[in-house]
């Protein structure tokens, strides 16, 4: 039997300075499922809004109501949806979807300064 999960996913962006090529880390949080036989949550991630492979969750066994993702492609859209599963491995339908468009990594140096002058000699 499929169980419904009522969840609200909230995406919070954090800058990861030590992650070259993947400079954005996204933390997702949701409302807890209060069923007594809840075993955990499965998080699905995609770069194409609304298109998920439910056979292969990106994060298959999450126990808490918050997780951090790091496999984010800069300058592209990433979306997530979530399901709950119980001790008998019954999986709920998907939660709402959240998406974020991540800005491109700044890989270009600033323009050259100009107009250098001697202003004073003493």
PDB file of N, CA and C in Angstrom:
ATOM      1  N   UNK A   1       0.842  -1.178   0.000  1.00  0.00           N
ATOM      2  CA  UNK A   1       0.000   0.000   0.000  1.00  0.00           C
ATOM      3  C   UNK A   1       0.887   1.240   0.000  1.00  0.00           C
ATOM      4  N   UNK A   2       0.571   2.156  -0.849  1.00  0.00           N
ATOM      5  CA  UNK A   2       1.330   3.402  -0.916  1.00  0.00           C
ATOM      6  C   UNK A   2       0.825   4.354   0.145  1.00  0.00           C
ATOM      7  N   UNK A   3       1.750   4.933   0.847  1.00  0.00           N
ATOM      8  CA  UNK A   3       1.376   5.889   1.898  1.00  0.00           C
ATOM      9  C   UNK A   3       1.690   7.293   1.425  1.00  0.00           C
ATOM     10  N   UNK A   4       0.849   8.204   1.792  1.00  0.00           N
ATOM     11  CA  UNK A   4       1.061   9.603   1.419  1.00  0.00           C
ATOM     12  C   UNK A   4       1.965  10.277   2.431  1.00  0.00           C
ATOM     13  N   UNK A   5       2.752  11.175   1.962  1.00  0.00           N
ATOM     14  CA  UNK A   5       3.586  11.991   2.836  1.00  0.00           C
ATOM     15  C   UNK A   5       3.235  13.437   2.571  1.00  0.00           C
ATOM     16  N   UNK A   6       2.983  14.161   3.630  1.00  0.00           N
ATOM     17  CA  UNK A   6       2.703  15.578   3.500  1.00  0.00           C
ATOM     18  C   UNK A   6       3.974  16.294   3.922  1.00  0.00           C
ATOM     19  N   UNK A   7       4.662  16.826   2.962  1.00  0.00           N
ATOM     20  CA  UNK A   7       5.967  17.432   3.234  1.00  0.00           C
ATOM     21  C   UNK A   7       6.092  18.761   2.542  1.00  0.00           C
ATOM     22  N   UNK A   8       6.852  19.583   3.138  1.00  0.00           N
ATOM     23  CA  UNK A   8       7.231  20.824   2.513  1.00  0.00           C
ATOM     24  C   UNK A   8       8.742  20.850   2.471  1.00  0.00           C
ATOM     25  N   UNK A   9       9.297  20.844   1.271  1.00  0.00           N
ATOM     26  CA  UNK A   9      10.743  20.910   1.130  1.00  0.00           C
ATOM     27  C   UNK A   9      11.163  22.366   1.111  1.00  0.00           C
ATOM     28  N   UNK A  10      12.205  22.643   1.834  1.00  0.00           N
ATOM     29  CA  UNK A  10      12.721  23.997   1.902  1.00  0.00           C
ATOM     30  C   UNK A  10      14.184  23.947   1.492  1.00  0.00           C
ATOM     31  N   UNK A  11      14.540  24.692   0.482  1.00  0.00           N
ATOM     32  CA  UNK A  11      15.937  24.709   0.032  1.00  0.00           C
ATOM     33  C   UNK A  11      16.629  25.940   0.592  1.00  0.00           C
ATOM     34  N   UNK A  12      17.757  25.716   1.209  1.00  0.00           N
ATOM     35  CA  UNK A  12      18.568  26.792   1.757  1.00  0.00           C
ATOM     36  C   UNK A  12      19.944  26.673   1.123  1.00  0.00           C
ATOM     37  N   UNK A  13      20.421  27.751   0.536  1.00  0.00           N
ATOM     38  CA  UNK A  13      21.711  27.705  -0.146  1.00  0.00           C
ATOM     39  C   UNK A  13      22.834  28.138   0.776  1.00  0.00           C
ATOM     40  N   UNK A  14      23.925  27.391   0.712  1.00  0.00           N
ATOM     41  CA  UNK A  14      25.141  27.737   1.434  1.00  0.00           C
ATOM     42  C   UNK A  14      26.279  27.736   0.434  1.00  0.00           C
ATOM     43  N   UNK A  15      27.247  28.635   0.579  1.00  0.00           N
ATOM     44  CA  UNK A  15      28.401  28.678  -0.304  1.00  0.00           C
ATOM     45  C   UNK A  15      29.476  27.759   0.240  1.00  0.00           C
ATOM     46  N   UNK A  16      29.981  26.867  -0.592  1.00  0.00           N
ATOM     47  CA  UNK A  16      31.046  25.945  -0.196  1.00  0.00           C
ATOM     48  C   UNK A  16      32.333  26.408  -0.845  1.00  0.00           C
ATOM     49  N   UNK A  17      33.195  27.043  -0.072  1.00  0.00           N
ATOM     50  CA  UNK A  17      34.406  27.630  -0.623  1.00  0.00           C
ATOM     51  C   UNK A  17      35.431  26.584  -1.035  1.00  0.00           C
ATOM     52  N   UNK A  18      35.416  25.411  -0.446  1.00  0.00           N
ATOM     53  CA  UNK A  18      36.440  24.414  -0.740  1.00  0.00           C
ATOM     54  C   UNK A  18      35.955  23.360  -1.720  1.00  0.00           C
ATOM     55  N   UNK A  19      34.963  23.666  -2.516  1.00  0.00           N
ATOM     56  CA  UNK A  19      34.416  22.696  -3.458  1.00  0.00           C
ATOM     57  C   UNK A  19      34.594  23.190  -4.895  1.00  0.00           C
ATOM     58  N   UNK A  20      35.804  23.127  -5.454  1.00  0.00           N
ATOM     59  CA  UNK A  20      35.990  23.625  -6.814  1.00  0.00           C
ATOM     60  C   UNK A  20      35.135  22.836  -7.798  1.00  0.00           C
ATOM     61  N   UNK A  21      34.483  23.551  -8.714  1.00  0.00           N
ATOM     62  CA  UNK A  21      33.614  22.900  -9.674  1.00  0.00           C
ATOM     63  C   UNK A  21      32.226  22.613  -9.138  1.00  0.00           C
ATOM     64  N   UNK A  22      32.071  22.514  -7.865  1.00  0.00           N
ATOM     65  CA  UNK A  22      30.778  22.314  -7.215  1.00  0.00           C
ATOM     66  C   UNK A  22      30.699  23.300  -6.061  1.00  0.00           C
ATOM     67  N   UNK A  23      30.528  24.562  -6.384  1.00  0.00           N
ATOM     68  CA  UNK A  23      30.657  25.570  -5.337  1.00  0.00           C
ATOM     69  C   UNK A  23      29.370  25.832  -4.569  1.00  0.00           C
ATOM     70  N   UNK A  24      28.314  25.085  -4.824  1.00  0.00           N
ATOM     71  CA  UNK A  24      27.079  25.286  -4.077  1.00  0.00           C
ATOM     72  C   UNK A  24      26.681  24.004  -3.361  1.00  0.00           C
ATOM     73  N   UNK A  25      26.326  24.157  -2.116  1.00  0.00           N
ATOM     74  CA  UNK A  25      25.803  23.056  -1.315  1.00  0.00           C
ATOM     75  C   UNK A  25      24.383  23.448  -0.932  1.00  0.00           C
ATOM     76  N   UNK A  26      23.435  22.543  -1.109  1.00  0.00           N
ATOM     77  CA  UNK A  26      22.034  22.839  -0.805  1.00  0.00           C
ATOM     78  C   UNK A  26      21.591  21.956   0.356  1.00  0.00           C
ATOM     79  N   UNK A  27      21.014  22.576   1.374  1.00  0.00           N
ATOM     80  CA  UNK A  27      20.452  21.842   2.496  1.00  0.00           C
ATOM     81  C   UNK A  27      18.938  21.842   2.342  1.00  0.00           C
ATOM     82  N   UNK A  28      18.348  20.670   2.383  1.00  0.00           N
ATOM     83  CA  UNK A  28      16.898  20.509   2.247  1.00  0.00           C
ATOM     84  C   UNK A  28      16.302  20.054   3.571  1.00  0.00           C
ATOM     85  N   UNK A  29      15.153  20.579   3.909  1.00  0.00           N
ATOM     86  CA  UNK A  29      14.445  20.179   5.122  1.00  0.00           C
ATOM     87  C   UNK A  29      12.973  19.970   4.822  1.00  0.00           C
ATOM     88  N   UNK A  30      12.296  19.134   5.603  1.00  0.00           N
ATOM     89  CA  UNK A  30      10.883  18.834   5.381  1.00  0.00           C
ATOM     90  C   UNK A  30      10.204  18.495   6.692  1.00  0.00           C
ATOM     91  N   UNK A  31       8.869  18.480   6.643  1.00  0.00           N
ATOM     92  CA  UNK A  31       8.060  18.131   7.809  1.00  0.00           C
ATOM     93  C   UNK A  31       8.163  16.629   8.062  1.00  0.00           C
ATOM     94  N   UNK A  32       8.244  16.261   9.316  1.00  0.00           N
ATOM     95  CA  UNK A  32       8.373  14.845   9.691  1.00  0.00           C
ATOM     96  C   UNK A  32       7.088  14.080   9.392  1.00  0.00           C
ATOM     97  N   UNK A  33       7.233  12.839   8.954  1.00  0.00           N
ATOM     98  CA  UNK A  33       6.124  11.899   8.834  1.00  0.00           C
ATOM     99  C   UNK A  33       6.011  11.229  10.205  1.00  0.00           C
ATOM    100  N   UNK A  34       4.844  11.274  10.812  1.00  0.00           N
ATOM    101  CA  UNK A  34       4.679  10.815  12.191  1.00  0.00           C
ATOM    102  C   UNK A  34       4.144   9.390  12.311  1.00  0.00           C
ATOM    103  N   UNK A  35       4.111   8.639  11.233  1.00  0.00           N
ATOM    104  CA  UNK A  35       3.630   7.264  11.305  1.00  0.00           C
ATOM    105  C   UNK A  35       4.587   6.411  12.133  1.00  0.00           C
ATOM    106  N   UNK A  36       4.035   5.490  12.904  1.00  0.00           N
ATOM    107  CA  UNK A  36       4.853   4.705  13.840  1.00  0.00           C
ATOM    108  C   UNK A  36       5.773   3.704  13.153  1.00  0.00           C
ATOM    109  N   UNK A  37       5.442   3.288  11.942  1.00  0.00           N
ATOM    110  CA  UNK A  37       6.291   2.316  11.245  1.00  0.00           C
ATOM    111  C   UNK A  37       7.185   2.964  10.185  1.00  0.00           C
ATOM    112  N   UNK A  38       7.387   4.274  10.282  1.00  0.00           N
ATOM    113  CA  UNK A  38       8.253   4.982   9.330  1.00  0.00           C
ATOM    114  C   UNK A  38       9.685   4.472   9.449  1.00  0.00           C
ATOM    115  N   UNK A  39      10.283   4.122   8.316  1.00  0.00           N
ATOM    116  CA  UNK A  39      11.679   3.668   8.305  1.00  0.00           C
ATOM    117  C   UNK A  39      12.623   4.774   7.849  1.00  0.00           C
ATOM    118  N   UNK A  40      12.145   5.693   7.025  1.00  0.00           N
ATOM    119  CA  UNK A  40      13.009   6.780   6.559  1.00  0.00           C
ATOM    120  C   UNK A  40      12.445   7.466   5.337  1.00  0.00           C
ATOM    121  N   UNK A  41      13.330   8.206   4.676  1.00  0.00           N
ATOM    122  CA  UNK A  41      12.954   9.000   3.511  1.00  0.00           C
ATOM    123  C   UNK A  41      13.916   8.695   2.367  1.00  0.00           C
ATOM    124  N   UNK A  42      13.412   8.887   1.145  1.00  0.00           N
ATOM    125  CA  UNK A  42      14.244   8.760  -0.056  1.00  0.00           C
ATOM    126  C   UNK A  42      14.148  10.076  -0.820  1.00  0.00           C
ATOM    127  N   UNK A  43      15.310  10.622  -1.155  1.00  0.00           N
ATOM    128  CA  UNK A  43      15.372  11.897  -1.858  1.00  0.00           C
ATOM    129  C   UNK A  43      15.786  11.644  -3.301  1.00  0.00           C
ATOM    130  N   UNK A  44      15.046  12.254  -4.214  1.00  0.00           N
ATOM    131  CA  UNK A  44      15.314  12.121  -5.646  1.00  0.00           C
ATOM    132  C   UNK A  44      15.758  13.480  -6.183  1.00  0.00           C
ATOM    133  N   UNK A  45      16.800  13.467  -7.001  1.00  0.00           N
ATOM    134  CA  UNK A  45      17.390  14.697  -7.524  1.00  0.00           C
ATOM    135  C   UNK A  45      17.463  14.602  -9.049  1.00  0.00           C
ATOM    136  N   UNK A  46      17.184  15.711  -9.731  1.00  0.00           N
ATOM    137  CA  UNK A  46      17.238  15.732 -11.188  1.00  0.00           C
ATOM    138  C   UNK A  46      17.629  17.118 -11.682  1.00  0.00           C
ATOM    139  N   UNK A  47      18.113  17.176 -12.902  1.00  0.00           N
ATOM    140  CA  UNK A  47      18.384  18.479 -13.528  1.00  0.00           C
ATOM    141  C   UNK A  47      17.251  18.848 -14.489  1.00  0.00           C
ATOM    142  N   UNK A  48      16.288  17.950 -14.673  1.00  0.00           N
ATOM    143  CA  UNK A  48      15.130  18.205 -15.531  1.00  0.00           C
ATOM    144  C   UNK A  48      13.875  18.213 -14.667  1.00  0.00           C
ATOM    145  N   UNK A  49      13.289  19.378 -14.508  1.00  0.00           N
ATOM    146  CA  UNK A  49      12.135  19.527 -13.630  1.00  0.00           C
ATOM    147  C   UNK A  49      11.049  18.507 -13.957  1.00  0.00           C
ATOM    148  N   UNK A  50      10.564  17.802 -12.931  1.00  0.00           N
ATOM    149  CA  UNK A  50       9.471  16.856 -13.075  1.00  0.00           C
ATOM    150  C   UNK A  50       9.864  15.476 -13.576  1.00  0.00           C
ATOM    151  N   UNK A  51      11.136  15.249 -13.884  1.00  0.00           N
ATOM    152  CA  UNK A  51      11.571  13.960 -14.424  1.00  0.00           C
ATOM    153  C   UNK A  51      12.493  13.280 -13.416  1.00  0.00           C
ATOM    154  N   UNK A  52      11.999  12.224 -12.763  1.00  0.00           N
ATOM    155  CA  UNK A  52      12.749  11.503 -11.728  1.00  0.00           C
ATOM    156  C   UNK A  52      12.789  10.017 -12.051  1.00  0.00           C
ATOM    157  N   UNK A  53      13.865   9.371 -11.689  1.00  0.00           N
ATOM    158  CA  UNK A  53      13.969   7.925 -11.809  1.00  0.00           C
ATOM    159  C   UNK A  53      13.681   7.338 -10.430  1.00  0.00           C
ATOM    160  N   UNK A  54      12.434   6.927 -10.211  1.00  0.00           N
ATOM    161  CA  UNK A  54      12.033   6.450  -8.887  1.00  0.00           C
ATOM    162  C   UNK A  54      12.588   5.060  -8.570  1.00  0.00           C
ATOM    163  N   UNK A  55      13.261   4.439  -9.498  1.00  0.00           N
ATOM    164  CA  UNK A  55      13.927   3.159  -9.227  1.00  0.00           C
ATOM    165  C   UNK A  55      15.248   3.367  -8.493  1.00  0.00           C
ATOM    166  N   UNK A  56      15.837   4.554  -8.671  1.00  0.00           N
ATOM    167  CA  UNK A  56      17.165   4.822  -8.115  1.00  0.00           C
ATOM    168  C   UNK A  56      17.184   6.164  -7.390  1.00  0.00           C
ATOM    169  N   UNK A  57      16.854   6.187  -6.092  1.00  0.00           N
ATOM    170  CA  UNK A  57      16.899   7.450  -5.347  1.00  0.00           C
ATOM    171  C   UNK A  57      18.327   7.977  -5.255  1.00  0.00           C
ATOM    172  N   UNK A  58      18.458   9.280  -5.311  1.00  0.00           N
ATOM    173  CA  UNK A  58      19.772   9.911  -5.175  1.00  0.00           C
ATOM    174  C   UNK A  58      20.316   9.720  -3.762  1.00  0.00           C
ATOM    175  N   UNK A  59      19.424   9.762  -2.788  1.00  0.00           N
ATOM    176  CA  UNK A  59      19.763   9.547  -1.375  1.00  0.00           C
ATOM    177  C   UNK A  59      18.730   8.560  -0.844  1.00  0.00           C
ATOM    178  N   UNK A  60      19.060   7.253  -0.798  1.00  0.00           N
ATOM    179  CA  UNK A  60      18.040   6.220  -0.571  1.00  0.00           C
ATOM    180  C   UNK A  60      17.608   5.989   0.866  1.00  0.00           C
ATOM    181  N   UNK A  61      18.350   6.432   1.848  1.00  0.00           N
ATOM    182  CA  UNK A  61      18.013   6.071   3.227  1.00  0.00           C
ATOM    183  C   UNK A  61      18.350   7.219   4.173  1.00  0.00           C
ATOM    184  N   UNK A  62      17.445   8.169   4.266  1.00  0.00           N
ATOM    185  CA  UNK A  62      17.645   9.335   5.130  1.00  0.00           C
ATOM    186  C   UNK A  62      16.777   9.162   6.364  1.00  0.00           C
ATOM    187  N   UNK A  63      17.371   9.260   7.540  1.00  0.00           N
ATOM    188  CA  UNK A  63      16.632   9.052   8.786  1.00  0.00           C
ATOM    189  C   UNK A  63      16.070  10.360   9.358  1.00  0.00           C
ATOM    190  N   UNK A  64      16.729  11.463   9.089  1.00  0.00           N
ATOM    191  CA  UNK A  64      16.340  12.754   9.666  1.00  0.00           C
ATOM    192  C   UNK A  64      15.440  13.532   8.700  1.00  0.00           C
ATOM    193  N   UNK A  65      15.001  14.717   9.128  1.00  0.00           N
ATOM    194  CA  UNK A  65      14.165  15.574   8.283  1.00  0.00           C
ATOM    195  C   UNK A  65      14.978  16.709   7.672  1.00  0.00           C
ATOM    196  N   UNK A  66      16.253  16.460   7.455  1.00  0.00           N
ATOM    197  CA  UNK A  66      17.132  17.433   6.813  1.00  0.00           C
ATOM    198  C   UNK A  66      18.301  16.674   6.199  1.00  0.00           C
ATOM    199  N   UNK A  67      18.746  17.103   5.040  1.00  0.00           N
ATOM    200  CA  UNK A  67      19.935  16.519   4.428  1.00  0.00           C
ATOM    201  C   UNK A  67      20.623  17.571   3.571  1.00  0.00           C
ATOM    202  N   UNK A  68      21.885  17.354   3.300  1.00  0.00           N
ATOM    203  CA  UNK A  68      22.680  18.262   2.483  1.00  0.00           C
ATOM    204  C   UNK A  68      23.111  17.538   1.221  1.00  0.00           C
ATOM    205  N   UNK A  69      22.963  18.188   0.092  1.00  0.00           N
ATOM    206  CA  UNK A  69      23.400  17.625  -1.178  1.00  0.00           C
ATOM    207  C   UNK A  69      24.602  18.408  -1.690  1.00  0.00           C
ATOM    208  N   UNK A  70      25.526  17.733  -2.337  1.00  0.00           N
ATOM    209  CA  UNK A  70      26.729  18.405  -2.831  1.00  0.00           C
ATOM    210  C   UNK A  70      26.960  18.199  -4.319  1.00  0.00           C
ATOM    211  N   UNK A  71      26.264  17.303  -4.952  1.00  0.00           N
ATOM    212  CA  UNK A  71      26.476  17.036  -6.378  1.00  0.00           C
ATOM    213  C   UNK A  71      25.644  17.992  -7.220  1.00  0.00           C
ATOM    214  N   UNK A  72      25.957  19.251  -7.115  1.00  0.00           N
ATOM    215  CA  UNK A  72      25.189  20.293  -7.777  1.00  0.00           C
ATOM    216  C   UNK A  72      26.009  20.861  -8.930  1.00  0.00           C
ATOM    217  N   UNK A  73      25.420  20.930 -10.105  1.00  0.00           N
ATOM    218  CA  UNK A  73      26.119  21.472 -11.263  1.00  0.00           C
ATOM    219  C   UNK A  73      25.917  22.984 -11.294  1.00  0.00           C
ATOM    220  N   UNK A  74      27.011  23.751 -11.242  1.00  0.00           N
ATOM    221  CA  UNK A  74      26.869  25.206 -11.329  1.00  0.00           C
ATOM    222  C   UNK A  74      26.249  25.615 -12.658  1.00  0.00           C
ATOM    223  N   UNK A  75      25.577  26.742 -12.673  1.00  0.00           N
ATOM    224  CA  UNK A  75      24.946  27.314 -13.855  1.00  0.00           C
ATOM    225  C   UNK A  75      23.903  26.369 -14.433  1.00  0.00           C
ATOM    226  N   UNK A  76      23.161  25.723 -13.556  1.00  0.00           N
ATOM    227  CA  UNK A  76      22.113  24.832 -14.023  1.00  0.00           C
ATOM    228  C   UNK A  76      21.044  24.648 -12.976  1.00  0.00           C
ATOM    229  N   UNK A  77      19.913  24.126 -13.412  1.00  0.00           N
ATOM    230  CA  UNK A  77      18.801  23.888 -12.498  1.00  0.00           C
ATOM    231  C   UNK A  77      18.940  22.517 -11.856  1.00  0.00           C
ATOM    232  N   UNK A  78      18.639  22.444 -10.587  1.00  0.00           N
ATOM    233  CA  UNK A  78      18.563  21.169  -9.874  1.00  0.00           C
ATOM    234  C   UNK A  78      17.245  21.149  -9.123  1.00  0.00           C
ATOM    235  N   UNK A  79      16.546  19.999  -9.169  1.00  0.00           N
ATOM    236  CA  UNK A  79      15.254  19.841  -8.515  1.00  0.00           C
ATOM    237  C   UNK A  79      15.274  18.594  -7.634  1.00  0.00           C
ATOM    238  N   UNK A  80      14.408  18.600  -6.612  1.00  0.00           N
ATOM    239  CA  UNK A  80      14.307  17.470  -5.697  1.00  0.00           C
ATOM    240  C   UNK A  80      12.847  17.180  -5.391  1.00  0.00           C
ATOM    241  N   UNK A  81      12.575  15.918  -5.079  1.00  0.00           N
ATOM    242  CA  UNK A  81      11.318  15.485  -4.494  1.00  0.00           C
ATOM    243  C   UNK A  81      11.654  14.387  -3.485  1.00  0.00           C
ATOM    244  N   UNK A  82      10.719  14.090  -2.611  1.00  0.00           N
ATOM    245  CA  UNK A  82      10.986  13.224  -1.472  1.00  0.00           C
ATOM    246  C   UNK A  82       9.860  12.222  -1.315  1.00  0.00           C
ATOM    247  N   UNK A  83      10.194  11.002  -0.887  1.00  0.00           N
ATOM    248  CA  UNK A  83       9.177  10.022  -0.498  1.00  0.00           C
ATOM    249  C   UNK A  83       9.513   9.512   0.897  1.00  0.00           C
ATOM    250  N   UNK A  84       8.520   8.932   1.541  1.00  0.00           N
ATOM    251  CA  UNK A  84       8.730   8.253   2.822  1.00  0.00           C
ATOM    252  C   UNK A  84       8.558   6.755   2.576  1.00  0.00           C
ATOM    253  N   UNK A  85       9.248   5.942   3.365  1.00  0.00           N
ATOM    254  CA  UNK A  85       9.035   4.499   3.263  1.00  0.00           C
ATOM    255  C   UNK A  85       8.939   3.918   4.664  1.00  0.00           C
ATOM    256  N   UNK A  86       8.184   2.809   4.768  1.00  0.00           N
ATOM    257  CA  UNK A  86       7.949   2.206   6.083  1.00  0.00           C
ATOM    258  C   UNK A  86       8.790   0.947   6.266  1.00  0.00           C
ATOM    259  N   UNK A  87       8.618   0.291   7.400  1.00  0.00           N
ATOM    260  CA  UNK A  87       9.407  -0.892   7.736  1.00  0.00           C
ATOM    261  C   UNK A  87       9.173  -2.043   6.761  1.00  0.00           C
ATOM    262  N   UNK A  88       8.011  -2.084   6.097  1.00  0.00           N
ATOM    263  CA  UNK A  88       7.723  -3.115   5.102  1.00  0.00           C
ATOM    264  C   UNK A  88       8.200  -2.689   3.711  1.00  0.00           C
ATOM    265  N   UNK A  89       8.911  -1.558   3.629  1.00  0.00           N
ATOM    266  CA  UNK A  89       9.454  -0.986   2.392  1.00  0.00           C
ATOM    267  C   UNK A  89       8.373  -0.470   1.439  1.00  0.00           C
ATOM    268  N   UNK A  90       7.185  -0.170   1.968  1.00  0.00           N
ATOM    269  CA  UNK A  90       6.164   0.515   1.180  1.00  0.00           C
ATOM    270  C   UNK A  90       6.601   1.965   1.038  1.00  0.00           C
ATOM    271  N   UNK A  91       6.483   2.499  -0.154  1.00  0.00           N
ATOM    272  CA  UNK A  91       6.946   3.866  -0.404  1.00  0.00           C
ATOM    273  C   UNK A  91       5.766   4.768  -0.722  1.00  0.00           C
ATOM    274  N   UNK A  92       5.764   5.963  -0.142  1.00  0.00           N
ATOM    275  CA  UNK A  92       4.695   6.930  -0.382  1.00  0.00           C
ATOM    276  C   UNK A  92       4.825   7.523  -1.781  1.00  0.00           C
ATOM    277  N   UNK A  93       3.827   8.275  -2.162  1.00  0.00           N
ATOM    278  CA  UNK A  93       3.943   9.092  -3.365  1.00  0.00           C
ATOM    279  C   UNK A  93       4.911  10.226  -3.100  1.00  0.00           C
ATOM    280  N   UNK A  94       5.343  10.920  -4.143  1.00  0.00           N
ATOM    281  CA  UNK A  94       6.325  11.986  -3.970  1.00  0.00           C
ATOM    282  C   UNK A  94       5.729  13.241  -3.324  1.00  0.00           C
ATOM    283  N   UNK A  95       6.588  13.946  -2.622  1.00  0.00           N
ATOM    284  CA  UNK A  95       6.223  15.238  -2.037  1.00  0.00           C
ATOM    285  C   UNK A  95       6.163  16.285  -3.139  1.00  0.00           C
ATOM    286  N   UNK A  96       5.971  17.526  -2.733  1.00  0.00           N
ATOM    287  CA  UNK A  96       6.106  18.624  -3.680  1.00  0.00           C
ATOM    288  C   UNK A  96       7.543  18.668  -4.201  1.00  0.00           C
ATOM    289  N   UNK A  97       7.726  19.321  -5.302  1.00  0.00           N
ATOM    290  CA  UNK A  97       9.050  19.457  -5.911  1.00  0.00           C
ATOM    291  C   UNK A  97       9.598  20.843  -5.603  1.00  0.00           C
ATOM    292  N   UNK A  98      10.899  20.906  -5.311  1.00  0.00           N
ATOM    293  CA  UNK A  98      11.571  22.202  -5.190  1.00  0.00           C
ATOM    294  C   UNK A  98      12.728  22.224  -6.179  1.00  0.00           C
ATOM    295  N   UNK A  99      12.958  23.404  -6.769  1.00  0.00           N
ATOM    296  CA  UNK A  99      14.027  23.566  -7.748  1.00  0.00           C
ATOM    297  C   UNK A  99      14.799  24.838  -7.432  1.00  0.00           C
ATOM    298  N   UNK A 100      16.054  24.833  -7.824  1.00  0.00           N
ATOM    299  CA  UNK A 100      16.877  26.021  -7.663  1.00  0.00           C
ATOM    300  C   UNK A 100      17.744  26.149  -8.906  1.00  0.00           C
ATOM    301  N   UNK A 101      17.920  27.383  -9.372  1.00  0.00           N
ATOM    302  CA  UNK A 101      18.822  27.665 -10.482  1.00  0.00           C
ATOM    303  C   UNK A 101      20.078  28.257  -9.858  1.00  0.00           C
ATOM    304  N   UNK A 102      21.166  27.514  -9.969  1.00  0.00           N
ATOM    305  CA  UNK A 102      22.403  27.939  -9.337  1.00  0.00           C
ATOM    306  C   UNK A 102      23.183  28.859 -10.256  1.00  0.00           C
ATOM    307  N   UNK A 103      23.739  29.934  -9.694  1.00  0.00           N
ATOM    308  CA  UNK A 103      24.525  30.843 -10.524  1.00  0.00           C
ATOM    309  C   UNK A 103      25.816  30.183 -10.990  1.00  0.00           C
ATOM    310  N   UNK A 104      26.321  30.677 -12.094  1.00  0.00           N
ATOM    311  CA  UNK A 104      27.570  30.156 -12.636  1.00  0.00           C
ATOM    312  C   UNK A 104      28.728  30.522 -11.723  1.00  0.00           C
ATOM    313  N   UNK A 105      29.687  29.593 -11.596  1.00  0.00           N
ATOM    314  CA  UNK A 105      30.902  29.888 -10.847  1.00  0.00           C
ATOM    315  C   UNK A 105      31.599  31.077 -11.481  1.00  0.00           C
ATOM    316  N   UNK A 106      32.136  31.950 -10.671  1.00  0.00           N
ATOM    317  CA  UNK A 106      32.904  33.096 -11.156  1.00  0.00           C
ATOM    318  C   UNK A 106      34.323  32.619 -11.439  1.00  0.00           C
ATOM    319  N   UNK A 107      34.619  32.345 -12.710  1.00  0.00           N
ATOM    320  CA  UNK A 107      35.940  31.833 -13.078  1.00  0.00           C
ATOM    321  C   UNK A 107      36.764  32.874 -13.837  1.00  0.00           C
ATOM    322  N   UNK A 108      36.211  34.053 -14.023  1.00  0.00           N
ATOM    323  CA  UNK A 108      36.899  35.076 -14.795  1.00  0.00           C
ATOM    324  C   UNK A 108      37.490  36.127 -13.863  1.00  0.00           C
ATOM    325  N   UNK A 109      38.733  36.553 -14.139  1.00  0.00           N
ATOM    326  CA  UNK A 109      39.344  37.590 -13.307  1.00  0.00           C
ATOM    327  C   UNK A 109      38.686  38.941 -13.581  1.00  0.00           C
ATOM    328  N   UNK A 110      38.809  39.875 -12.645  1.00  0.00           N
ATOM    329  CA  UNK A 110      38.258  41.213 -12.879  1.00  0.00           C
ATOM    330  C   UNK A 110      39.045  41.910 -13.988  1.00  0.00           C
ATOM    331  N   UNK A 111      38.465  42.960 -14.525  1.00  0.00           N
ATOM    332  CA  UNK A 111      39.149  43.749 -15.561  1.00  0.00           C
ATOM    333  C   UNK A 111      40.394  44.419 -15.008  1.00  0.00           C
ATOM    334  N   UNK A 112      41.321  44.734 -15.925  1.00  0.00           N
ATOM    335  CA  UNK A 112      42.567  45.383 -15.512  1.00  0.00           C
ATOM    336  C   UNK A 112      42.280  46.778 -14.968  1.00  0.00           C
ATOM    337  N   UNK A 113      42.967  47.159 -13.875  1.00  0.00           N
ATOM    338  CA  UNK A 113      42.849  48.535 -13.406  1.00  0.00           C
ATOM    339  C   UNK A 113      43.512  49.469 -14.419  1.00  0.00           C
ATOM    340  N   UNK A 114      43.083  50.694 -14.439  1.00  0.00           N
ATOM    341  CA  UNK A 114      43.687  51.679 -15.346  1.00  0.00           C
ATOM    342  C   UNK A 114      43.807  53.004 -14.625  1.00  0.00           C
ATOM    343  N   UNK A 115      44.479  53.909 -15.237  1.00  0.00           N
ATOM    344  CA  UNK A 115      44.596  55.263 -14.687  1.00  0.00           C
ATOM    345  C   UNK A 115      45.550  55.373 -13.511  1.00  0.00           C
ATOM    346  N   UNK A 116      46.568  54.519 -13.446  1.00  0.00           N
ATOM    347  CA  UNK A 116      47.542  54.588 -12.359  1.00  0.00           C
ATOM    348  C   UNK A 116      48.361  55.865 -12.517  1.00  0.00           C
ATOM    349  N   UNK A 117      48.451  56.679 -11.474  1.00  0.00           N
ATOM    350  CA  UNK A 117      49.183  57.956 -11.492  1.00  0.00           C
ATOM    351  C   UNK A 117      49.979  58.104 -10.208  1.00  0.00           C
ATOM    352  N   UNK A 118      51.003  58.893 -10.290  1.00  0.00           N
ATOM    353  CA  UNK A 118      51.706  59.326  -9.079  1.00  0.00           C
ATOM    354  C   UNK A 118      50.954  60.554  -8.575  1.00  0.00           C
ATOM    355  N   UNK A 119      50.483  60.492  -7.361  1.00  0.00           N
ATOM    356  CA  UNK A 119      49.688  61.582  -6.823  1.00  0.00           C
ATOM    357  C   UNK A 119      50.517  62.534  -5.975  1.00  0.00           C
ATOM    358  N   UNK A 120      51.630  62.057  -5.444  1.00  0.00           N
ATOM    359  CA  UNK A 120      52.408  62.928  -4.567  1.00  0.00           C
ATOM    360  C   UNK A 120      53.805  62.339  -4.424  1.00  0.00           C
ATOM    361  N   UNK A 121      54.794  63.210  -4.330  1.00  0.00           N
ATOM    362  CA  UNK A 121      56.164  62.816  -4.034  1.00  0.00           C
ATOM    363  C   UNK A 121      56.641  63.693  -2.907  1.00  0.00           C
ATOM    364  N   UNK A 122      57.194  63.108  -1.858  1.00  0.00           N
ATOM    365  CA  UNK A 122      57.692  63.930  -0.740  1.00  0.00           C
ATOM    366  C   UNK A 122      59.093  63.569  -0.417  1.00  0.00           C
TER     367      UNK A 122
END
